Amino acid sequence: MPTVPEPVASFIDAVNAHDEEAFLNAFTDRGAVDDWGRVFTGRDEIKAWSDKEFIGARGTLTVEEVDAAQDTVTVVGDWRSSYANGRSMFVFDIDGDRLSRMTIRAG
């Protein structure tokens, strides 16, 4: 498995463990999730989205490819959940030791 840099590695561990608190705490206060063009900003919006489509859907990500450049980490992998399945690309914008944005697209 490719090496995933921090803080993305800890974030993926939290997701795969279905640890909602660690998942939410990984984002900055104004962090955002862009899920195929639907944008959820801030803890409350991210939690509401995640409850249905991410952590709440018992999602797991098997990392297949990683590309890290500056403050952006791109991970491509196999996403499995009760909501959606398939090869997906996750682009993480990093701000210090937290995520300012996670963008999800087809992998």
PDB file of N, CA and C in Angstrom:
ATOM      1  N   MET A   1       0.844  -1.186   0.000  1.00  0.00           N
ATOM      2  CA  MET A   1       0.000   0.000   0.000  1.00  0.00           C
ATOM      3  C   MET A   1       0.884   1.243   0.000  1.00  0.00           C
ATOM      4  N   PRO A   2       0.540   2.255  -0.805  1.00  0.00           N
ATOM      5  CA  PRO A   2       1.352   3.472  -0.836  1.00  0.00           C
ATOM      6  C   PRO A   2       1.342   4.190   0.511  1.00  0.00           C
ATOM      7  N   THR A   3       2.407   4.931   0.777  1.00  0.00           N
ATOM      8  CA  THR A   3       2.487   5.706   2.013  1.00  0.00           C
ATOM      9  C   THR A   3       1.653   6.972   1.877  1.00  0.00           C
ATOM     10  N   VAL A   4       0.781   7.193   2.850  1.00  0.00           N
ATOM     11  CA  VAL A   4      -0.076   8.377   2.864  1.00  0.00           C
ATOM     12  C   VAL A   4       0.487   9.345   3.911  1.00  0.00           C
ATOM     13  N   PRO A   5       0.786  10.585   3.522  1.00  0.00           N
ATOM     14  CA  PRO A   5       1.324  11.541   4.488  1.00  0.00           C
ATOM     15  C   PRO A   5       0.266  12.018   5.485  1.00  0.00           C
ATOM     16  N   GLU A   6       0.742  12.479   6.631  1.00  0.00           N
ATOM     17  CA  GLU A   6      -0.150  13.094   7.618  1.00  0.00           C
ATOM     18  C   GLU A   6      -0.517  14.504   7.148  1.00  0.00           C
ATOM     19  N   PRO A   7      -1.684  15.018   7.513  1.00  0.00           N
ATOM     20  CA  PRO A   7      -2.682  14.418   8.407  1.00  0.00           C
ATOM     21  C   PRO A   7      -3.673  13.500   7.694  1.00  0.00           C
ATOM     22  N   VAL A   8      -3.460  13.254   6.410  1.00  0.00           N
ATOM     23  CA  VAL A   8      -4.413  12.447   5.647  1.00  0.00           C
ATOM     24  C   VAL A   8      -4.427  10.996   6.120  1.00  0.00           C
ATOM     25  N   ALA A   9      -3.257  10.459   6.475  1.00  0.00           N
ATOM     26  CA  ALA A   9      -3.205   9.063   6.939  1.00  0.00           C
ATOM     27  C   ALA A   9      -4.086   8.857   8.170  1.00  0.00           C
ATOM     28  N   SER A  10      -3.984   9.761   9.131  1.00  0.00           N
ATOM     29  CA  SER A  10      -4.808   9.648  10.347  1.00  0.00           C
ATOM     30  C   SER A  10      -6.287   9.825  10.024  1.00  0.00           C
ATOM     31  N   PHE A  11      -6.580  10.694   9.066  1.00  0.00           N
ATOM     32  CA  PHE A  11      -7.957  10.908   8.641  1.00  0.00           C
ATOM     33  C   PHE A  11      -8.539   9.621   8.058  1.00  0.00           C
ATOM     34  N   ILE A  12      -7.795   8.968   7.164  1.00  0.00           N
ATOM     35  CA  ILE A  12      -8.276   7.719   6.557  1.00  0.00           C
ATOM     36  C   ILE A  12      -8.438   6.641   7.619  1.00  0.00           C
ATOM     37  N   ASP A  13      -7.506   6.571   8.575  1.00  0.00           N
ATOM     38  CA  ASP A  13      -7.649   5.616   9.682  1.00  0.00           C
ATOM     39  C   ASP A  13      -8.943   5.869  10.445  1.00  0.00           C
ATOM     40  N   ALA A  14      -9.257   7.144  10.715  1.00  0.00           N
ATOM     41  CA  ALA A  14     -10.485   7.493  11.440  1.00  0.00           C
ATOM     42  C   ALA A  14     -11.719   7.081  10.649  1.00  0.00           C
ATOM     43  N   VAL A  15     -11.691   7.334   9.332  1.00  0.00           N
ATOM     44  CA  VAL A  15     -12.824   6.956   8.478  1.00  0.00           C
ATOM     45  C   VAL A  15     -13.017   5.445   8.504  1.00  0.00           C
ATOM     46  N   ASN A  16     -11.932   4.703   8.304  1.00  0.00           N
ATOM     47  CA  ASN A  16     -12.037   3.245   8.244  1.00  0.00           C
ATOM     48  C   ASN A  16     -12.434   2.628   9.581  1.00  0.00           C
ATOM     49  N   ALA A  17     -12.175   3.347  10.683  1.00  0.00           N
ATOM     50  CA  ALA A  17     -12.594   2.897  12.012  1.00  0.00           C
ATOM     51  C   ALA A  17     -13.997   3.404  12.365  1.00  0.00           C
ATOM     52  N   HIS A  18     -14.591   4.183  11.443  1.00  0.00           N
ATOM     53  CA  HIS A  18     -15.915   4.780  11.662  1.00  0.00           C
ATOM     54  C   HIS A  18     -15.921   5.655  12.913  1.00  0.00           C
ATOM     55  N   ASP A  19     -14.800   6.376  13.120  1.00  0.00           N
ATOM     56  CA  ASP A  19     -14.627   7.250  14.285  1.00  0.00           C
ATOM     57  C   ASP A  19     -15.077   8.656  13.903  1.00  0.00           C
ATOM     58  N   GLU A  20     -16.360   8.924  14.149  1.00  0.00           N
ATOM     59  CA  GLU A  20     -16.941  10.193  13.731  1.00  0.00           C
ATOM     60  C   GLU A  20     -16.237  11.390  14.354  1.00  0.00           C
ATOM     61  N   GLU A  21     -15.916  11.322  15.620  1.00  0.00           N
ATOM     62  CA  GLU A  21     -15.289  12.445  16.307  1.00  0.00           C
ATOM     63  C   GLU A  21     -13.932  12.787  15.679  1.00  0.00           C
ATOM     64  N   ALA A  22     -13.103  11.778  15.456  1.00  0.00           N
ATOM     65  CA  ALA A  22     -11.789  12.011  14.838  1.00  0.00           C
ATOM     66  C   ALA A  22     -11.953  12.507  13.402  1.00  0.00           C
ATOM     67  N   PHE A  23     -12.940  11.976  12.689  1.00  0.00           N
ATOM     68  CA  PHE A  23     -13.238  12.428  11.334  1.00  0.00           C
ATOM     69  C   PHE A  23     -13.567  13.918  11.328  1.00  0.00           C
ATOM     70  N   LEU A  24     -14.483  14.328  12.179  1.00  0.00           N
ATOM     71  CA  LEU A  24     -14.894  15.736  12.218  1.00  0.00           C
ATOM     72  C   LEU A  24     -13.763  16.642  12.711  1.00  0.00           C
ATOM     73  N   ASN A  25     -13.005  16.169  13.677  1.00  0.00           N
ATOM     74  CA  ASN A  25     -11.911  16.973  14.224  1.00  0.00           C
ATOM     75  C   ASN A  25     -10.753  17.145  13.245  1.00  0.00           C
ATOM     76  N   ALA A  26     -10.731  16.340  12.181  1.00  0.00           N
ATOM     77  CA  ALA A  26      -9.655  16.451  11.196  1.00  0.00           C
ATOM     78  C   ALA A  26      -9.774  17.726  10.360  1.00  0.00           C
ATOM     79  N   PHE A  27     -10.965  18.315  10.319  1.00  0.00           N
ATOM     80  CA  PHE A  27     -11.193  19.509   9.507  1.00  0.00           C
ATOM     81  C   PHE A  27     -10.966  20.792  10.303  1.00  0.00           C
ATOM     82  N   THR A  28     -10.530  21.835   9.586  1.00  0.00           N
ATOM     83  CA  THR A  28     -10.456  23.157  10.198  1.00  0.00           C
ATOM     84  C   THR A  28     -11.881  23.617  10.505  1.00  0.00           C
ATOM     85  N   ASP A  29     -12.004  24.698  11.281  1.00  0.00           N
ATOM     86  CA  ASP A  29     -13.328  25.197  11.655  1.00  0.00           C
ATOM     87  C   ASP A  29     -14.197  25.522  10.446  1.00  0.00           C
ATOM     88  N   ARG A  30     -13.578  26.016   9.386  1.00  0.00           N
ATOM     89  CA  ARG A  30     -14.316  26.349   8.161  1.00  0.00           C
ATOM     90  C   ARG A  30     -14.037  25.317   7.072  1.00  0.00           C
ATOM     91  N   GLY A  31     -13.652  24.141   7.490  1.00  0.00           N
ATOM     92  CA  GLY A  31     -13.368  23.067   6.539  1.00  0.00           C
ATOM     93  C   GLY A  31     -14.582  22.748   5.696  1.00  0.00           C
ATOM     94  N   ALA A  32     -14.319  22.132   4.534  1.00  0.00           N
ATOM     95  CA  ALA A  32     -15.416  21.833   3.616  1.00  0.00           C
ATOM     96  C   ALA A  32     -15.201  20.481   2.953  1.00  0.00           C
ATOM     97  N   VAL A  33     -16.333  19.883   2.584  1.00  0.00           N
ATOM     98  CA  VAL A  33     -16.342  18.672   1.769  1.00  0.00           C
ATOM     99  C   VAL A  33     -17.048  19.016   0.469  1.00  0.00           C
ATOM    100  N   ASP A  34     -16.389  18.722  -0.649  1.00  0.00           N
ATOM    101  CA  ASP A  34     -16.986  18.888  -1.975  1.00  0.00           C
ATOM    102  C   ASP A  34     -17.203  17.486  -2.518  1.00  0.00           C
ATOM    103  N   ASP A  35     -18.440  17.021  -2.438  1.00  0.00           N
ATOM    104  CA  ASP A  35     -18.798  15.669  -2.875  1.00  0.00           C
ATOM    105  C   ASP A  35     -19.495  15.780  -4.228  1.00  0.00           C
ATOM    106  N   TRP A  36     -18.712  15.646  -5.285  1.00  0.00           N
ATOM    107  CA  TRP A  36     -19.230  15.724  -6.651  1.00  0.00           C
ATOM    108  C   TRP A  36     -19.991  17.026  -6.893  1.00  0.00           C
ATOM    109  N   GLY A  37     -19.440  18.144  -6.379  1.00  0.00           N
ATOM    110  CA  GLY A  37     -20.044  19.450  -6.615  1.00  0.00           C
ATOM    111  C   GLY A  37     -21.001  19.926  -5.544  1.00  0.00           C
ATOM    112  N   ARG A  38     -21.397  19.037  -4.657  1.00  0.00           N
ATOM    113  CA  ARG A  38     -22.206  19.455  -3.502  1.00  0.00           C
ATOM    114  C   ARG A  38     -21.231  19.809  -2.388  1.00  0.00           C
ATOM    115  N   VAL A  39     -21.265  21.050  -1.917  1.00  0.00           N
ATOM    116  CA  VAL A  39     -20.282  21.510  -0.933  1.00  0.00           C
ATOM    117  C   VAL A  39     -20.939  21.659   0.438  1.00  0.00           C
ATOM    118  N   PHE A  40     -20.282  21.079   1.433  1.00  0.00           N
ATOM    119  CA  PHE A  40     -20.739  21.119   2.825  1.00  0.00           C
ATOM    120  C   PHE A  40     -19.635  21.794   3.628  1.00  0.00           C
ATOM    121  N   THR A  41     -19.947  22.920   4.256  1.00  0.00           N
ATOM    122  CA  THR A  41     -18.939  23.727   4.937  1.00  0.00           C
ATOM    123  C   THR A  41     -19.216  23.779   6.439  1.00  0.00           C
ATOM    124  N   GLY A  42     -18.168  23.591   7.221  1.00  0.00           N
ATOM    125  CA  GLY A  42     -18.292  23.653   8.671  1.00  0.00           C
ATOM    126  C   GLY A  42     -18.719  22.318   9.258  1.00  0.00           C
ATOM    127  N   ARG A  43     -18.466  22.184  10.550  1.00  0.00           N
ATOM    128  CA  ARG A  43     -18.689  20.912  11.245  1.00  0.00           C
ATOM    129  C   ARG A  43     -20.115  20.390  11.121  1.00  0.00           C
ATOM    130  N   ASP A  44     -21.115  21.256  11.284  1.00  0.00           N
ATOM    131  CA  ASP A  44     -22.508  20.802  11.274  1.00  0.00           C
ATOM    132  C   ASP A  44     -22.921  20.270   9.904  1.00  0.00           C
ATOM    133  N   GLU A  45     -22.554  20.987   8.836  1.00  0.00           N
ATOM    134  CA  GLU A  45     -22.912  20.534   7.494  1.00  0.00           C
ATOM    135  C   GLU A  45     -22.158  19.255   7.124  1.00  0.00           C
ATOM    136  N   ILE A  46     -20.875  19.193   7.486  1.00  0.00           N
ATOM    137  CA  ILE A  46     -20.087  17.986   7.192  1.00  0.00           C
ATOM    138  C   ILE A  46     -20.669  16.792   7.949  1.00  0.00           C
ATOM    139  N   LYS A  47     -21.041  16.996   9.206  1.00  0.00           N
ATOM    140  CA  LYS A  47     -21.609  15.899   9.999  1.00  0.00           C
ATOM    141  C   LYS A  47     -22.924  15.410   9.391  1.00  0.00           C
ATOM    142  N   ALA A  48     -23.797  16.346   8.986  1.00  0.00           N
ATOM    143  CA  ALA A  48     -25.090  15.957   8.412  1.00  0.00           C
ATOM    144  C   ALA A  48     -24.886  15.140   7.133  1.00  0.00           C
ATOM    145  N   TRP A  49     -23.936  15.563   6.301  1.00  0.00           N
ATOM    146  CA  TRP A  49     -23.621  14.807   5.077  1.00  0.00           C
ATOM    147  C   TRP A  49     -23.051  13.439   5.440  1.00  0.00           C
ATOM    148  N   SER A  50     -22.095  13.428   6.356  1.00  0.00           N
ATOM    149  CA  SER A  50     -21.395  12.197   6.727  1.00  0.00           C
ATOM    150  C   SER A  50     -22.327  11.182   7.383  1.00  0.00           C
ATOM    151  N   ASP A  51     -23.267  11.654   8.190  1.00  0.00           N
ATOM    152  CA  ASP A  51     -24.195  10.744   8.872  1.00  0.00           C
ATOM    153  C   ASP A  51     -24.911   9.842   7.870  1.00  0.00           C
ATOM    154  N   LYS A  52     -25.198  10.371   6.678  1.00  0.00           N
ATOM    155  CA  LYS A  52     -25.920   9.608   5.663  1.00  0.00           C
ATOM    156  C   LYS A  52     -24.983   8.911   4.677  1.00  0.00           C
ATOM    157  N   GLU A  53     -23.895   9.610   4.275  1.00  0.00           N
ATOM    158  CA  GLU A  53     -23.140   9.158   3.119  1.00  0.00           C
ATOM    159  C   GLU A  53     -21.706   8.709   3.391  1.00  0.00           C
ATOM    160  N   PHE A  54     -21.182   8.945   4.599  1.00  0.00           N
ATOM    161  CA  PHE A  54     -19.763   8.651   4.809  1.00  0.00           C
ATOM    162  C   PHE A  54     -19.561   7.778   6.044  1.00  0.00           C
ATOM    163  N   ILE A  55     -19.384   8.375   7.204  1.00  0.00           N
ATOM    164  CA  ILE A  55     -19.206   7.589   8.431  1.00  0.00           C
ATOM    165  C   ILE A  55     -20.475   6.787   8.737  1.00  0.00           C
ATOM    166  N   GLY A  56     -21.623   7.434   8.615  1.00  0.00           N
ATOM    167  CA  GLY A  56     -22.895   6.758   8.888  1.00  0.00           C
ATOM    168  C   GLY A  56     -23.187   5.618   7.926  1.00  0.00           C
ATOM    169  N   ALA A  57     -22.561   5.662   6.754  1.00  0.00           N
ATOM    170  CA  ALA A  57     -22.735   4.598   5.758  1.00  0.00           C
ATOM    171  C   ALA A  57     -21.681   3.502   5.936  1.00  0.00           C
ATOM    172  N   ARG A  58     -20.930   3.589   7.044  1.00  0.00           N
ATOM    173  CA  ARG A  58     -19.904   2.584   7.376  1.00  0.00           C
ATOM    174  C   ARG A  58     -18.872   2.448   6.258  1.00  0.00           C
ATOM    175  N   GLY A  59     -18.497   3.592   5.702  1.00  0.00           N
ATOM    176  CA  GLY A  59     -17.574   3.601   4.579  1.00  0.00           C
ATOM    177  C   GLY A  59     -16.159   3.200   4.953  1.00  0.00           C
ATOM    178  N   THR A  60     -15.487   2.559   4.000  1.00  0.00           N
ATOM    179  CA  THR A  60     -14.069   2.245   4.143  1.00  0.00           C
ATOM    180  C   THR A  60     -13.369   2.558   2.828  1.00  0.00           C
ATOM    181  N   LEU A  61     -12.126   3.010   2.951  1.00  0.00           N
ATOM    182  CA  LEU A  61     -11.326   3.352   1.788  1.00  0.00           C
ATOM    183  C   LEU A  61     -10.068   2.500   1.774  1.00  0.00           C
ATOM    184  N   THR A  62      -9.880   1.770   0.677  1.00  0.00           N
ATOM    185  CA  THR A  62      -8.651   1.020   0.451  1.00  0.00           C
ATOM    186  C   THR A  62      -7.796   1.849  -0.503  1.00  0.00           C
ATOM    187  N   VAL A  63      -6.695   2.369   0.002  1.00  0.00           N
ATOM    188  CA  VAL A  63      -5.838   3.267  -0.776  1.00  0.00           C
ATOM    189  C   VAL A  63      -5.093   2.475  -1.847  1.00  0.00           C
ATOM    190  N   GLU A  64      -5.121   3.000  -3.077  1.00  0.00           N
ATOM    191  CA  GLU A  64      -4.419   2.382  -4.200  1.00  0.00           C
ATOM    192  C   GLU A  64      -3.307   3.274  -4.750  1.00  0.00           C
ATOM    193  N   GLU A  65      -3.524   4.592  -4.762  1.00  0.00           N
ATOM    194  CA  GLU A  65      -2.539   5.530  -5.291  1.00  0.00           C
ATOM    195  C   GLU A  65      -2.507   6.773  -4.412  1.00  0.00           C
ATOM    196  N   VAL A  66      -1.314   7.371  -4.287  1.00  0.00           N
ATOM    197  CA  VAL A  66      -1.154   8.598  -3.509  1.00  0.00           C
ATOM    198  C   VAL A  66      -0.239   9.544  -4.276  1.00  0.00           C
ATOM    199  N   ASP A  67      -0.619  10.815  -4.313  1.00  0.00           N
ATOM    200  CA  ASP A  67       0.234  11.849  -4.884  1.00  0.00           C
ATOM    201  C   ASP A  67       0.225  13.028  -3.917  1.00  0.00           C
ATOM    202  N   ALA A  68       1.394  13.414  -3.442  1.00  0.00           N
ATOM    203  CA  ALA A  68       1.495  14.525  -2.501  1.00  0.00           C
ATOM    204  C   ALA A  68       2.332  15.639  -3.120  1.00  0.00           C
ATOM    205  N   ALA A  69       1.791  16.856  -3.092  1.00  0.00           N
ATOM    206  CA  ALA A  69       2.496  18.019  -3.613  1.00  0.00           C
ATOM    207  C   ALA A  69       2.111  19.235  -2.786  1.00  0.00           C
ATOM    208  N   GLN A  70       3.122  19.869  -2.164  1.00  0.00           N
ATOM    209  CA  GLN A  70       2.867  21.063  -1.340  1.00  0.00           C
ATOM    210  C   GLN A  70       1.816  20.761  -0.276  1.00  0.00           C
ATOM    211  N   ASP A  71       0.713  21.505  -0.304  1.00  0.00           N
ATOM    212  CA  ASP A  71      -0.337  21.350   0.708  1.00  0.00           C
ATOM    213  C   ASP A  71      -1.547  20.594   0.173  1.00  0.00           C
ATOM    214  N   THR A  72      -1.312  19.740  -0.831  1.00  0.00           N
ATOM    215  CA  THR A  72      -2.395  18.954  -1.412  1.00  0.00           C
ATOM    216  C   THR A  72      -1.969  17.490  -1.479  1.00  0.00           C
ATOM    217  N   VAL A  73      -2.853  16.621  -1.025  1.00  0.00           N
ATOM    218  CA  VAL A  73      -2.618  15.182  -1.123  1.00  0.00           C
ATOM    219  C   VAL A  73      -3.799  14.575  -1.875  1.00  0.00           C
ATOM    220  N   THR A  74      -3.502  13.833  -2.924  1.00  0.00           N
ATOM    221  CA  THR A  74      -4.537  13.162  -3.704  1.00  0.00           C
ATOM    222  C   THR A  74      -4.433  11.662  -3.451  1.00  0.00           C
ATOM    223  N   VAL A  75      -5.554  11.069  -3.087  1.00  0.00           N
ATOM    224  CA  VAL A  75      -5.621   9.633  -2.819  1.00  0.00           C
ATOM    225  C   VAL A  75      -6.678   9.037  -3.738  1.00  0.00           C
ATOM    226  N   VAL A  76      -6.309   7.989  -4.445  1.00  0.00           N
ATOM    227  CA  VAL A  76      -7.262   7.242  -5.256  1.00  0.00           C
ATOM    228  C   VAL A  76      -7.379   5.859  -4.641  1.00  0.00           C
ATOM    229  N   GLY A  77      -8.609   5.413  -4.490  1.00  0.00           N
ATOM    230  CA  GLY A  77      -8.795   4.107  -3.887  1.00  0.00           C
ATOM    231  C   GLY A  77     -10.184   3.567  -4.087  1.00  0.00           C
ATOM    232  N   ASP A  78     -10.403   2.410  -3.508  1.00  0.00           N
ATOM    233  CA  ASP A  78     -11.677   1.720  -3.603  1.00  0.00           C
ATOM    234  C   ASP A  78     -12.525   2.080  -2.395  1.00  0.00           C
ATOM    235  N   TRP A  79     -13.624   2.780  -2.630  1.00  0.00           N
ATOM    236  CA  TRP A  79     -14.546   3.188  -1.573  1.00  0.00           C
ATOM    237  C   TRP A  79     -15.690   2.189  -1.497  1.00  0.00           C
ATOM    238  N   ARG A  80     -15.966   1.704  -0.290  1.00  0.00           N
ATOM    239  CA  ARG A  80     -17.067   0.770  -0.064  1.00  0.00           C
ATOM    240  C   ARG A  80     -17.912   1.284   1.088  1.00  0.00           C
ATOM    241  N   SER A  81     -19.220   1.380   0.882  1.00  0.00           N
ATOM    242  CA  SER A  81     -20.126   1.795   1.955  1.00  0.00           C
ATOM    243  C   SER A  81     -21.532   1.311   1.627  1.00  0.00           C
ATOM    244  N   SER A  82     -22.439   1.534   2.556  1.00  0.00           N
ATOM    245  CA  SER A  82     -23.833   1.166   2.305  1.00  0.00           C
ATOM    246  C   SER A  82     -24.519   2.217   1.432  1.00  0.00           C
ATOM    247  N   TYR A  83     -23.817   3.327   1.136  1.00  0.00           N
ATOM    248  CA  TYR A  83     -24.403   4.407   0.334  1.00  0.00           C
ATOM    249  C   TYR A  83     -23.902   4.389  -1.110  1.00  0.00           C
ATOM    250  N   ALA A  84     -22.588   4.243  -1.284  1.00  0.00           N
ATOM    251  CA  ALA A  84     -21.990   4.272  -2.627  1.00  0.00           C
ATOM    252  C   ALA A  84     -20.731   3.411  -2.623  1.00  0.00           C
ATOM    253  N   ASN A  85     -20.395   2.871  -3.784  1.00  0.00           N
ATOM    254  CA  ASN A  85     -19.213   2.028  -3.917  1.00  0.00           C
ATOM    255  C   ASN A  85     -18.486   2.372  -5.211  1.00  0.00           C
ATOM    256  N   GLY A  86     -17.177   2.173  -5.188  1.00  0.00           N
ATOM    257  CA  GLY A  86     -16.427   2.313  -6.428  1.00  0.00           C
ATOM    258  C   GLY A  86     -15.122   3.047  -6.250  1.00  0.00           C
ATOM    259  N   ARG A  87     -14.370   3.069  -7.325  1.00  0.00           N
ATOM    260  CA  ARG A  87     -13.076   3.740  -7.331  1.00  0.00           C
ATOM    261  C   ARG A  87     -13.312   5.248  -7.277  1.00  0.00           C
ATOM    262  N   SER A  88     -12.682   5.881  -6.318  1.00  0.00           N
ATOM    263  CA  SER A  88     -12.899   7.305  -6.089  1.00  0.00           C
ATOM    264  C   SER A  88     -11.580   8.024  -5.890  1.00  0.00           C
ATOM    265  N   MET A  89     -11.591   9.326  -6.207  1.00  0.00           N
ATOM    266  CA  MET A  89     -10.437  10.182  -5.971  1.00  0.00           C
ATOM    267  C   MET A  89     -10.800  11.193  -4.892  1.00  0.00           C
ATOM    268  N   PHE A  90      -9.930  11.276  -3.899  1.00  0.00           N
ATOM    269  CA  PHE A  90     -10.100  12.222  -2.800  1.00  0.00           C
ATOM    270  C   PHE A  90      -8.928  13.192  -2.849  1.00  0.00           C
ATOM    271  N   VAL A  91      -9.218  14.474  -2.994  1.00  0.00           N
ATOM    272  CA  VAL A  91      -8.178  15.498  -2.990  1.00  0.00           C
ATOM    273  C   VAL A  91      -8.305  16.261  -1.674  1.00  0.00           C
ATOM    274  N   PHE A  92      -7.223  16.242  -0.896  1.00  0.00           N
ATOM    275  CA  PHE A  92      -7.208  16.886   0.418  1.00  0.00           C
ATOM    276  C   PHE A  92      -6.355  18.138   0.362  1.00  0.00           C
ATOM    277  N   ASP A  93      -6.942  19.271   0.746  1.00  0.00           N
ATOM    278  CA  ASP A  93      -6.188  20.504   0.927  1.00  0.00           C
ATOM    279  C   ASP A  93      -5.850  20.594   2.407  1.00  0.00           C
ATOM    280  N   ILE A  94      -4.564  20.756   2.698  1.00  0.00           N
ATOM    281  CA  ILE A  94      -4.086  20.700   4.078  1.00  0.00           C
ATOM    282  C   ILE A  94      -3.743  22.094   4.586  1.00  0.00           C
ATOM    283  N   ASP A  95      -4.159  22.368   5.814  1.00  0.00           N
ATOM    284  CA  ASP A  95      -3.854  23.626   6.489  1.00  0.00           C
ATOM    285  C   ASP A  95      -3.241  23.260   7.834  1.00  0.00           C
ATOM    286  N   GLY A  96      -1.908  23.293   7.909  1.00  0.00           N
ATOM    287  CA  GLY A  96      -1.231  22.879   9.142  1.00  0.00           C
ATOM    288  C   GLY A  96      -1.397  21.389   9.346  1.00  0.00           C
ATOM    289  N   ASP A  97      -1.997  21.013  10.483  1.00  0.00           N
ATOM    290  CA  ASP A  97      -2.199  19.588  10.762  1.00  0.00           C
ATOM    291  C   ASP A  97      -3.659  19.179  10.595  1.00  0.00           C
ATOM    292  N   ARG A  98      -4.411  19.999   9.854  1.00  0.00           N
ATOM    293  CA  ARG A  98      -5.824  19.684   9.630  1.00  0.00           C
ATOM    294  C   ARG A  98      -6.169  19.831   8.150  1.00  0.00           C
ATOM    295  N   LEU A  99      -7.369  19.420   7.800  1.00  0.00           N
ATOM    296  CA  LEU A  99      -7.827  19.484   6.421  1.00  0.00           C
ATOM    297  C   LEU A  99      -8.722  20.704   6.238  1.00  0.00           C
ATOM    298  N   SER A 100      -8.443  21.491   5.208  1.00  0.00           N
ATOM    299  CA  SER A 100      -9.322  22.623   4.922  1.00  0.00           C
ATOM    300  C   SER A 100     -10.400  22.244   3.905  1.00  0.00           C
ATOM    301  N   ARG A 101     -10.111  21.203   3.113  1.00  0.00           N
ATOM    302  CA  ARG A 101     -11.098  20.765   2.116  1.00  0.00           C
ATOM    303  C   ARG A 101     -10.802  19.329   1.690  1.00  0.00           C
ATOM    304  N   MET A 102     -11.888  18.593   1.467  1.00  0.00           N
ATOM    305  CA  MET A 102     -11.796  17.269   0.859  1.00  0.00           C
ATOM    306  C   MET A 102     -12.733  17.282  -0.347  1.00  0.00           C
ATOM    307  N   THR A 103     -12.161  17.023  -1.524  1.00  0.00           N
ATOM    308  CA  THR A 103     -12.932  16.995  -2.752  1.00  0.00           C
ATOM    309  C   THR A 103     -13.001  15.551  -3.248  1.00  0.00           C
ATOM    310  N   ILE A 104     -14.216  15.085  -3.530  1.00  0.00           N
ATOM    311  CA  ILE A 104     -14.436  13.710  -3.951  1.00  0.00           C
ATOM    312  C   ILE A 104     -14.916  13.701  -5.399  1.00  0.00           C
ATOM    313  N   ARG A 105     -14.230  12.897  -6.223  1.00  0.00           N
ATOM    314  CA  ARG A 105     -14.595  12.740  -7.639  1.00  0.00           C
ATOM    315  C   ARG A 105     -14.382  11.283  -8.034  1.00  0.00           C
ATOM    316  N   ALA A 106     -14.712  10.964  -9.275  1.00  0.00           N
ATOM    317  CA  ALA A 106     -14.469   9.619  -9.796  1.00  0.00           C
ATOM    318  C   ALA A 106     -12.969   9.360  -9.845  1.00  0.00           C
ATOM    319  N   GLY A 107     -12.588   8.130  -9.536  1.00  0.00           N
ATOM    320  CA  GLY A 107     -11.186   7.755  -9.546  1.00  0.00           C
ATOM    321  C   GLY A 107     -10.823   7.113 -10.840  1.00  0.00           C
TER     322      GLY A 107
END
